[in-house]
Amino acid sequence: MVKTINLTANVPPSREVRITLPNDVPTGPAEIVVVIASRVGASTRTLGDLLHSEFFGMWRDRADIGDSAEFARRLRAEAWSRAA
């Protein structure tokens, strides 16, 4: 089982943060990954920002893709199988 839980917290000077997991998280051995990303000065991005970015439509002229939804599904499946 892989479960992603996104939390925001204020890190106190002691740098101790307590996390209570939801009841649907099974007990026993687990790998917990903590990612620290500073929110100071972070800007909020919108879907409009993505729409006007260089990423939107970056593959539109590729003749080898065909069905873009199927292509994306295949890329995700390949990435997930490599990660396992």
PDB file of N, CA and C in Angstrom:
ATOM      1  N   MET A   1       0.847  -1.182   0.000  1.00  0.00           N
ATOM      2  CA  MET A   1       0.000   0.000   0.000  1.00  0.00           C
ATOM      3  C   MET A   1       0.883   1.233   0.000  1.00  0.00           C
ATOM      4  N   VAL A   2       0.595   2.176  -0.847  1.00  0.00           N
ATOM      5  CA  VAL A   2       1.271   3.463  -0.849  1.00  0.00           C
ATOM      6  C   VAL A   2       0.211   4.516  -0.598  1.00  0.00           C
ATOM      7  N   LYS A   3       0.425   5.348   0.391  1.00  0.00           N
ATOM      8  CA  LYS A   3      -0.532   6.386   0.745  1.00  0.00           C
ATOM      9  C   LYS A   3       0.235   7.689   0.839  1.00  0.00           C
ATOM     10  N   THR A   4      -0.252   8.705   0.176  1.00  0.00           N
ATOM     11  CA  THR A   4       0.370  10.018   0.238  1.00  0.00           C
ATOM     12  C   THR A   4      -0.494  10.920   1.089  1.00  0.00           C
ATOM     13  N   ILE A   5       0.127  11.533   2.070  1.00  0.00           N
ATOM     14  CA  ILE A   5      -0.566  12.473   2.943  1.00  0.00           C
ATOM     15  C   ILE A   5       0.239  13.763   2.916  1.00  0.00           C
ATOM     16  N   ASN A   6      -0.367  14.845   2.480  1.00  0.00           N
ATOM     17  CA  ASN A   6       0.315  16.137   2.451  1.00  0.00           C
ATOM     18  C   ASN A   6      -0.103  16.945   3.672  1.00  0.00           C
ATOM     19  N   LEU A   7       0.868  17.408   4.414  1.00  0.00           N
ATOM     20  CA  LEU A   7       0.612  18.202   5.609  1.00  0.00           C
ATOM     21  C   LEU A   7       1.404  19.497   5.528  1.00  0.00           C
ATOM     22  N   THR A   8       0.896  20.519   6.152  1.00  0.00           N
ATOM     23  CA  THR A   8       1.679  21.732   6.328  1.00  0.00           C
ATOM     24  C   THR A   8       1.858  21.936   7.819  1.00  0.00           C
ATOM     25  N   ALA A   9       2.991  22.456   8.199  1.00  0.00           N
ATOM     26  CA  ALA A   9       3.273  22.644   9.615  1.00  0.00           C
ATOM     27  C   ALA A   9       4.230  23.804   9.803  1.00  0.00           C
ATOM     28  N   ASN A  10       4.180  24.394  10.969  1.00  0.00           N
ATOM     29  CA  ASN A  10       5.182  25.362  11.372  1.00  0.00           C
ATOM     30  C   ASN A  10       6.225  24.601  12.175  1.00  0.00           C
ATOM     31  N   VAL A  11       7.464  24.659  11.734  1.00  0.00           N
ATOM     32  CA  VAL A  11       8.530  23.963  12.445  1.00  0.00           C
ATOM     33  C   VAL A  11       9.012  24.874  13.565  1.00  0.00           C
ATOM     34  N   PRO A  12       8.880  24.417  14.814  1.00  0.00           N
ATOM     35  CA  PRO A  12       9.308  25.242  15.948  1.00  0.00           C
ATOM     36  C   PRO A  12      10.835  25.218  16.096  1.00  0.00           C
ATOM     37  N   PRO A  13      11.379  26.094  16.920  1.00  0.00           N
ATOM     38  CA  PRO A  13      12.829  26.115  17.134  1.00  0.00           C
ATOM     39  C   PRO A  13      13.395  24.765  17.569  1.00  0.00           C
ATOM     40  N   SER A  14      12.587  23.958  18.263  1.00  0.00           N
ATOM     41  CA  SER A  14      13.050  22.636  18.698  1.00  0.00           C
ATOM     42  C   SER A  14      13.164  21.668  17.525  1.00  0.00           C
ATOM     43  N   ARG A  15      12.561  22.033  16.390  1.00  0.00           N
ATOM     44  CA  ARG A  15      12.524  21.205  15.182  1.00  0.00           C
ATOM     45  C   ARG A  15      11.849  19.848  15.416  1.00  0.00           C
ATOM     46  N   GLU A  16      10.951  19.814  16.368  1.00  0.00           N
ATOM     47  CA  GLU A  16      10.186  18.602  16.645  1.00  0.00           C
ATOM     48  C   GLU A  16       8.762  18.791  16.138  1.00  0.00           C
ATOM     49  N   VAL A  17       8.323  17.851  15.317  1.00  0.00           N
ATOM     50  CA  VAL A  17       6.973  17.886  14.773  1.00  0.00           C
ATOM     51  C   VAL A  17       6.346  16.528  15.042  1.00  0.00           C
ATOM     52  N   ARG A  18       5.143  16.524  15.594  1.00  0.00           N
ATOM     53  CA  ARG A  18       4.433  15.275  15.869  1.00  0.00           C
ATOM     54  C   ARG A  18       3.383  15.061  14.792  1.00  0.00           C
ATOM     55  N   ILE A  19       3.350  13.845  14.258  1.00  0.00           N
ATOM     56  CA  ILE A  19       2.399  13.505  13.203  1.00  0.00           C
ATOM     57  C   ILE A  19       1.527  12.354  13.681  1.00  0.00           C
ATOM     58  N   THR A  20       0.214  12.534  13.635  1.00  0.00           N
ATOM     59  CA  THR A  20      -0.731  11.466  13.928  1.00  0.00           C
ATOM     60  C   THR A  20      -1.312  11.006  12.599  1.00  0.00           C
ATOM     61  N   LEU A  21      -1.135   9.729  12.304  1.00  0.00           N
ATOM     62  CA  LEU A  21      -1.589   9.186  11.030  1.00  0.00           C
ATOM     63  C   LEU A  21      -3.066   8.816  11.097  1.00  0.00           C
ATOM     64  N   PRO A  22      -3.756   8.863   9.957  1.00  0.00           N
ATOM     65  CA  PRO A  22      -5.173   8.478   9.921  1.00  0.00           C
ATOM     66  C   PRO A  22      -5.359   7.009  10.308  1.00  0.00           C
ATOM     67  N   ASN A  23      -6.556   6.664  10.733  1.00  0.00           N
ATOM     68  CA  ASN A  23      -6.857   5.303  11.183  1.00  0.00           C
ATOM     69  C   ASN A  23      -6.729   4.257  10.083  1.00  0.00           C
ATOM     70  N   ASP A  24      -6.834   4.666   8.804  1.00  0.00           N
ATOM     71  CA  ASP A  24      -6.755   3.673   7.732  1.00  0.00           C
ATOM     72  C   ASP A  24      -5.315   3.306   7.351  1.00  0.00           C
ATOM     73  N   VAL A  25      -4.339   3.890   8.028  1.00  0.00           N
ATOM     74  CA  VAL A  25      -2.942   3.513   7.794  1.00  0.00           C
ATOM     75  C   VAL A  25      -2.656   2.264   8.619  1.00  0.00           C
ATOM     76  N   PRO A  26      -2.221   1.174   7.957  1.00  0.00           N
ATOM     77  CA  PRO A  26      -1.990  -0.068   8.702  1.00  0.00           C
ATOM     78  C   PRO A  26      -0.792   0.054   9.645  1.00  0.00           C
ATOM     79  N   THR A  27      -0.855  -0.690  10.724  1.00  0.00           N
ATOM     80  CA  THR A  27       0.253  -0.709  11.674  1.00  0.00           C
ATOM     81  C   THR A  27       1.329  -1.668  11.176  1.00  0.00           C
ATOM     82  N   GLY A  28       2.498  -1.565  11.736  1.00  0.00           N
ATOM     83  CA  GLY A  28       3.606  -2.427  11.346  1.00  0.00           C
ATOM     84  C   GLY A  28       4.685  -1.639  10.634  1.00  0.00           C
ATOM     85  N   PRO A  29       5.656  -2.356  10.089  1.00  0.00           N
ATOM     86  CA  PRO A  29       6.773  -1.679   9.424  1.00  0.00           C
ATOM     87  C   PRO A  29       6.292  -0.778   8.289  1.00  0.00           C
ATOM     88  N   ALA A  30       6.909   0.371   8.151  1.00  0.00           N
ATOM     89  CA  ALA A  30       6.538   1.316   7.096  1.00  0.00           C
ATOM     90  C   ALA A  30       7.744   2.181   6.769  1.00  0.00           C
ATOM     91  N   GLU A  31       7.754   2.680   5.563  1.00  0.00           N
ATOM     92  CA  GLU A  31       8.749   3.667   5.168  1.00  0.00           C
ATOM     93  C   GLU A  31       8.044   5.012   5.140  1.00  0.00           C
ATOM     94  N   ILE A  32       8.571   5.976   5.856  1.00  0.00           N
ATOM     95  CA  ILE A  32       7.987   7.308   5.909  1.00  0.00           C
ATOM     96  C   ILE A  32       9.003   8.275   5.332  1.00  0.00           C
ATOM     97  N   VAL A  33       8.581   9.042   4.340  1.00  0.00           N
ATOM     98  CA  VAL A  33       9.461   9.997   3.678  1.00  0.00           C
ATOM     99  C   VAL A  33       9.014  11.399   4.072  1.00  0.00           C
ATOM    100  N   VAL A  34       9.942  12.203   4.515  1.00  0.00           N
ATOM    101  CA  VAL A  34       9.647  13.587   4.884  1.00  0.00           C
ATOM    102  C   VAL A  34      10.335  14.493   3.874  1.00  0.00           C
ATOM    103  N   VAL A  35       9.566  15.368   3.253  1.00  0.00           N
ATOM    104  CA  VAL A  35      10.102  16.329   2.302  1.00  0.00           C
ATOM    105  C   VAL A  35       9.940  17.715   2.916  1.00  0.00           C
ATOM    106  N   ILE A  36      11.026  18.430   3.020  1.00  0.00           N
ATOM    107  CA  ILE A  36      10.985  19.780   3.573  1.00  0.00           C
ATOM    108  C   ILE A  36      11.041  20.765   2.412  1.00  0.00           C
ATOM    109  N   ALA A  37      10.009  21.555   2.271  1.00  0.00           N
ATOM    110  CA  ALA A  37       9.959  22.580   1.233  1.00  0.00           C
ATOM    111  C   ALA A  37       9.595  23.892   1.897  1.00  0.00           C
ATOM    112  N   SER A  38      10.461  24.856   1.790  1.00  0.00           N
ATOM    113  CA  SER A  38      10.214  26.150   2.405  1.00  0.00           C
ATOM    114  C   SER A  38       9.026  26.824   1.744  1.00  0.00           C
ATOM    115  N   ARG A  39       8.137  27.349   2.544  1.00  0.00           N
ATOM    116  CA  ARG A  39       6.971  28.044   2.011  1.00  0.00           C
ATOM    117  C   ARG A  39       7.168  29.546   2.067  1.00  0.00           C
ATOM    118  N   VAL A  40       8.311  29.992   2.560  1.00  0.00           N
ATOM    119  CA  VAL A  40       8.587  31.425   2.640  1.00  0.00           C
ATOM    120  C   VAL A  40       8.735  31.965   1.227  1.00  0.00           C
ATOM    121  N   GLY A  41       7.935  32.926   0.883  1.00  0.00           N
ATOM    122  CA  GLY A  41       8.009  33.536  -0.436  1.00  0.00           C
ATOM    123  C   GLY A  41       7.463  32.663  -1.552  1.00  0.00           C
ATOM    124  N   ALA A  42       6.838  31.539  -1.204  1.00  0.00           N
ATOM    125  CA  ALA A  42       6.291  30.655  -2.235  1.00  0.00           C
ATOM    126  C   ALA A  42       5.085  31.320  -2.876  1.00  0.00           C
ATOM    127  N   SER A  43       5.004  31.228  -4.183  1.00  0.00           N
ATOM    128  CA  SER A  43       3.855  31.802  -4.871  1.00  0.00           C
ATOM    129  C   SER A  43       2.847  30.699  -5.155  1.00  0.00           C
ATOM    130  N   THR A  44       1.617  31.079  -5.277  1.00  0.00           N
ATOM    131  CA  THR A  44       0.558  30.131  -5.590  1.00  0.00           C
ATOM    132  C   THR A  44       0.403  30.069  -7.095  1.00  0.00           C
ATOM    133  N   ARG A  45       0.466  28.869  -7.653  1.00  0.00           N
ATOM    134  CA  ARG A  45       0.312  28.681  -9.091  1.00  0.00           C
ATOM    135  C   ARG A  45      -1.137  28.309  -9.374  1.00  0.00           C
ATOM    136  N   THR A  46      -1.609  28.704 -10.523  1.00  0.00           N
ATOM    137  CA  THR A  46      -2.979  28.403 -10.914  1.00  0.00           C
ATOM    138  C   THR A  46      -2.975  27.555 -12.181  1.00  0.00           C
ATOM    139  N   LEU A  47      -4.138  27.012 -12.529  1.00  0.00           N
ATOM    140  CA  LEU A  47      -4.256  26.280 -13.786  1.00  0.00           C
ATOM    141  C   LEU A  47      -3.996  27.195 -14.978  1.00  0.00           C
ATOM    142  N   GLY A  48      -4.350  28.453 -14.846  1.00  0.00           N
ATOM    143  CA  GLY A  48      -4.072  29.417 -15.907  1.00  0.00           C
ATOM    144  C   GLY A  48      -2.575  29.582 -16.123  1.00  0.00           C
ATOM    145  N   ASP A  49      -1.801  29.566 -15.014  1.00  0.00           N
ATOM    146  CA  ASP A  49      -0.343  29.639 -15.130  1.00  0.00           C
ATOM    147  C   ASP A  49       0.182  28.449 -15.922  1.00  0.00           C
ATOM    148  N   LEU A  50      -0.363  27.258 -15.637  1.00  0.00           N
ATOM    149  CA  LEU A  50       0.057  26.060 -16.373  1.00  0.00           C
ATOM    150  C   LEU A  50      -0.339  26.167 -17.839  1.00  0.00           C
ATOM    151  N   LEU A  51      -1.546  26.645 -18.097  1.00  0.00           N
ATOM    152  CA  LEU A  51      -2.034  26.784 -19.464  1.00  0.00           C
ATOM    153  C   LEU A  51      -1.113  27.681 -20.294  1.00  0.00           C
ATOM    154  N   HIS A  52      -0.554  28.695 -19.681  1.00  0.00           N
ATOM    155  CA  HIS A  52       0.298  29.642 -20.404  1.00  0.00           C
ATOM    156  C   HIS A  52       1.786  29.325 -20.253  1.00  0.00           C
ATOM    157  N   SER A  53       2.109  28.176 -19.681  1.00  0.00           N
ATOM    158  CA  SER A  53       3.507  27.797 -19.509  1.00  0.00           C
ATOM    159  C   SER A  53       4.026  27.077 -20.746  1.00  0.00           C
ATOM    160  N   GLU A  54       5.328  26.873 -20.777  1.00  0.00           N
ATOM    161  CA  GLU A  54       5.949  26.159 -21.898  1.00  0.00           C
ATOM    162  C   GLU A  54       5.606  24.674 -21.886  1.00  0.00           C
ATOM    163  N   PHE A  55       5.049  24.164 -20.778  1.00  0.00           N
ATOM    164  CA  PHE A  55       4.733  22.745 -20.675  1.00  0.00           C
ATOM    165  C   PHE A  55       3.436  22.376 -21.385  1.00  0.00           C
ATOM    166  N   PHE A  56       2.486  23.286 -21.438  1.00  0.00           N
ATOM    167  CA  PHE A  56       1.193  22.997 -22.047  1.00  0.00           C
ATOM    168  C   PHE A  56       1.356  22.894 -23.555  1.00  0.00           C
ATOM    169  N   GLY A  57       1.065  21.736 -24.106  1.00  0.00           N
ATOM    170  CA  GLY A  57       1.145  21.524 -25.537  1.00  0.00           C
ATOM    171  C   GLY A  57       2.545  21.266 -26.066  1.00  0.00           C
ATOM    172  N   MET A  58       3.485  20.970 -25.183  1.00  0.00           N
ATOM    173  CA  MET A  58       4.871  20.824 -25.631  1.00  0.00           C
ATOM    174  C   MET A  58       5.079  19.628 -26.555  1.00  0.00           C
ATOM    175  N   TRP A  59       4.155  18.662 -26.549  1.00  0.00           N
ATOM    176  CA  TRP A  59       4.289  17.494 -27.418  1.00  0.00           C
ATOM    177  C   TRP A  59       3.281  17.520 -28.561  1.00  0.00           C
ATOM    178  N   ARG A  60       2.611  18.611 -28.791  1.00  0.00           N
ATOM    179  CA  ARG A  60       1.503  18.647 -29.754  1.00  0.00           C
ATOM    180  C   ARG A  60       1.922  18.298 -31.167  1.00  0.00           C
ATOM    181  N   ASP A  61       3.157  18.582 -31.572  1.00  0.00           N
ATOM    182  CA  ASP A  61       3.582  18.339 -32.952  1.00  0.00           C
ATOM    183  C   ASP A  61       4.260  16.992 -33.151  1.00  0.00           C
ATOM    184  N   ARG A  62       4.268  16.154 -32.138  1.00  0.00           N
ATOM    185  CA  ARG A  62       4.921  14.846 -32.275  1.00  0.00           C
ATOM    186  C   ARG A  62       3.987  13.875 -32.985  1.00  0.00           C
ATOM    187  N   ALA A  63       4.483  13.278 -34.064  1.00  0.00           N
ATOM    188  CA  ALA A  63       3.684  12.344 -34.850  1.00  0.00           C
ATOM    189  C   ALA A  63       3.664  10.947 -34.250  1.00  0.00           C
ATOM    190  N   ASP A  64       4.598  10.647 -33.343  1.00  0.00           N
ATOM    191  CA  ASP A  64       4.707   9.294 -32.796  1.00  0.00           C
ATOM    192  C   ASP A  64       3.822   9.050 -31.583  1.00  0.00           C
ATOM    193  N   ILE A  65       3.076  10.042 -31.127  1.00  0.00           N
ATOM    194  CA  ILE A  65       2.280   9.889 -29.905  1.00  0.00           C
ATOM    195  C   ILE A  65       0.874   9.374 -30.198  1.00  0.00           C
ATOM    196  N   GLY A  66       0.199   9.865 -31.182  1.00  0.00           N
ATOM    197  CA  GLY A  66      -1.166   9.419 -31.484  1.00  0.00           C
ATOM    198  C   GLY A  66      -2.131   9.833 -30.387  1.00  0.00           C
ATOM    199  N   ASP A  67      -2.715   8.864 -29.681  1.00  0.00           N
ATOM    200  CA  ASP A  67      -3.657   9.119 -28.592  1.00  0.00           C
ATOM    201  C   ASP A  67      -2.873   9.580 -27.364  1.00  0.00           C
ATOM    202  N   SER A  68      -2.968  10.865 -27.030  1.00  0.00           N
ATOM    203  CA  SER A  68      -2.154  11.422 -25.948  1.00  0.00           C
ATOM    204  C   SER A  68      -2.512  10.838 -24.582  1.00  0.00           C
ATOM    205  N   ALA A  69      -3.797  10.519 -24.362  1.00  0.00           N
ATOM    206  CA  ALA A  69      -4.195   9.937 -23.069  1.00  0.00           C
ATOM    207  C   ALA A  69      -3.587   8.543 -22.910  1.00  0.00           C
ATOM    208  N   GLU A  70      -3.628   7.749 -23.968  1.00  0.00           N
ATOM    209  CA  GLU A  70      -3.030   6.412 -23.916  1.00  0.00           C
ATOM    210  C   GLU A  70      -1.515   6.503 -23.759  1.00  0.00           C
ATOM    211  N   PHE A  71      -0.895   7.454 -24.435  1.00  0.00           N
ATOM    212  CA  PHE A  71       0.548   7.662 -24.321  1.00  0.00           C
ATOM    213  C   PHE A  71       0.920   7.985 -22.869  1.00  0.00           C
ATOM    214  N   ALA A  72       0.155   8.876 -22.237  1.00  0.00           N
ATOM    215  CA  ALA A  72       0.418   9.250 -20.848  1.00  0.00           C
ATOM    216  C   ALA A  72       0.220   8.058 -19.920  1.00  0.00           C
ATOM    217  N   ARG A  73      -0.832   7.259 -20.153  1.00  0.00           N
ATOM    218  CA  ARG A  73      -1.056   6.060 -19.333  1.00  0.00           C
ATOM    219  C   ARG A  73       0.126   5.101 -19.442  1.00  0.00           C
ATOM    220  N   ARG A  74       0.625   4.919 -20.670  1.00  0.00           N
ATOM    221  CA  ARG A  74       1.761   4.015 -20.884  1.00  0.00           C
ATOM    222  C   ARG A  74       3.020   4.533 -20.185  1.00  0.00           C
ATOM    223  N   LEU A  75       3.278   5.844 -20.254  1.00  0.00           N
ATOM    224  CA  LEU A  75       4.433   6.417 -19.565  1.00  0.00           C
ATOM    225  C   LEU A  75       4.344   6.196 -18.057  1.00  0.00           C
ATOM    226  N   ARG A  76       3.150   6.426 -17.505  1.00  0.00           N
ATOM    227  CA  ARG A  76       2.972   6.217 -16.051  1.00  0.00           C
ATOM    228  C   ARG A  76       3.172   4.767 -15.688  1.00  0.00           C
ATOM    229  N   ALA A  77       2.600   3.857 -16.476  1.00  0.00           N
ATOM    230  CA  ALA A  77       2.748   2.418 -16.185  1.00  0.00           C
ATOM    231  C   ALA A  77       4.215   2.008 -16.230  1.00  0.00           C
ATOM    232  N   GLU A  78       4.956   2.500 -17.204  1.00  0.00           N
ATOM    233  CA  GLU A  78       6.386   2.170 -17.292  1.00  0.00           C
ATOM    234  C   GLU A  78       7.146   2.746 -16.100  1.00  0.00           C
ATOM    235  N   ALA A  79       6.836   3.954 -15.702  1.00  0.00           N
ATOM    236  CA  ALA A  79       7.522   4.568 -14.559  1.00  0.00           C
ATOM    237  C   ALA A  79       7.201   3.806 -13.278  1.00  0.00           C
ATOM    238  N   TRP A  80       5.936   3.415 -13.094  1.00  0.00           N
ATOM    239  CA  TRP A  80       5.554   2.687 -11.885  1.00  0.00           C
ATOM    240  C   TRP A  80       6.205   1.326 -11.838  1.00  0.00           C
ATOM    241  N   SER A  81       6.329   0.649 -12.975  1.00  0.00           N
ATOM    242  CA  SER A  81       6.933  -0.684 -12.971  1.00  0.00           C
ATOM    243  C   SER A  81       8.430  -0.595 -12.703  1.00  0.00           C
ATOM    244  N   ARG A  82       9.090   0.478 -13.122  1.00  0.00           N
ATOM    245  CA  ARG A  82      10.516   0.661 -12.825  1.00  0.00           C
ATOM    246  C   ARG A  82      10.739   0.948 -11.354  1.00  0.00           C
ATOM    247  N   ALA A  83       9.802   1.650 -10.720  1.00  0.00           N
ATOM    248  CA  ALA A  83       9.948   2.037  -9.317  1.00  0.00           C
ATOM    249  C   ALA A  83       9.735   0.860  -8.379  1.00  0.00           C
ATOM    250  N   ALA A  84       9.027  -0.163  -8.823  1.00  0.00           N
ATOM    251  CA  ALA A  84       8.696  -1.304  -7.964  1.00  0.00           C
ATOM    252  C   ALA A  84       9.857  -2.234  -7.764  1.00  0.00           C
TER     253      ALA A  84
END
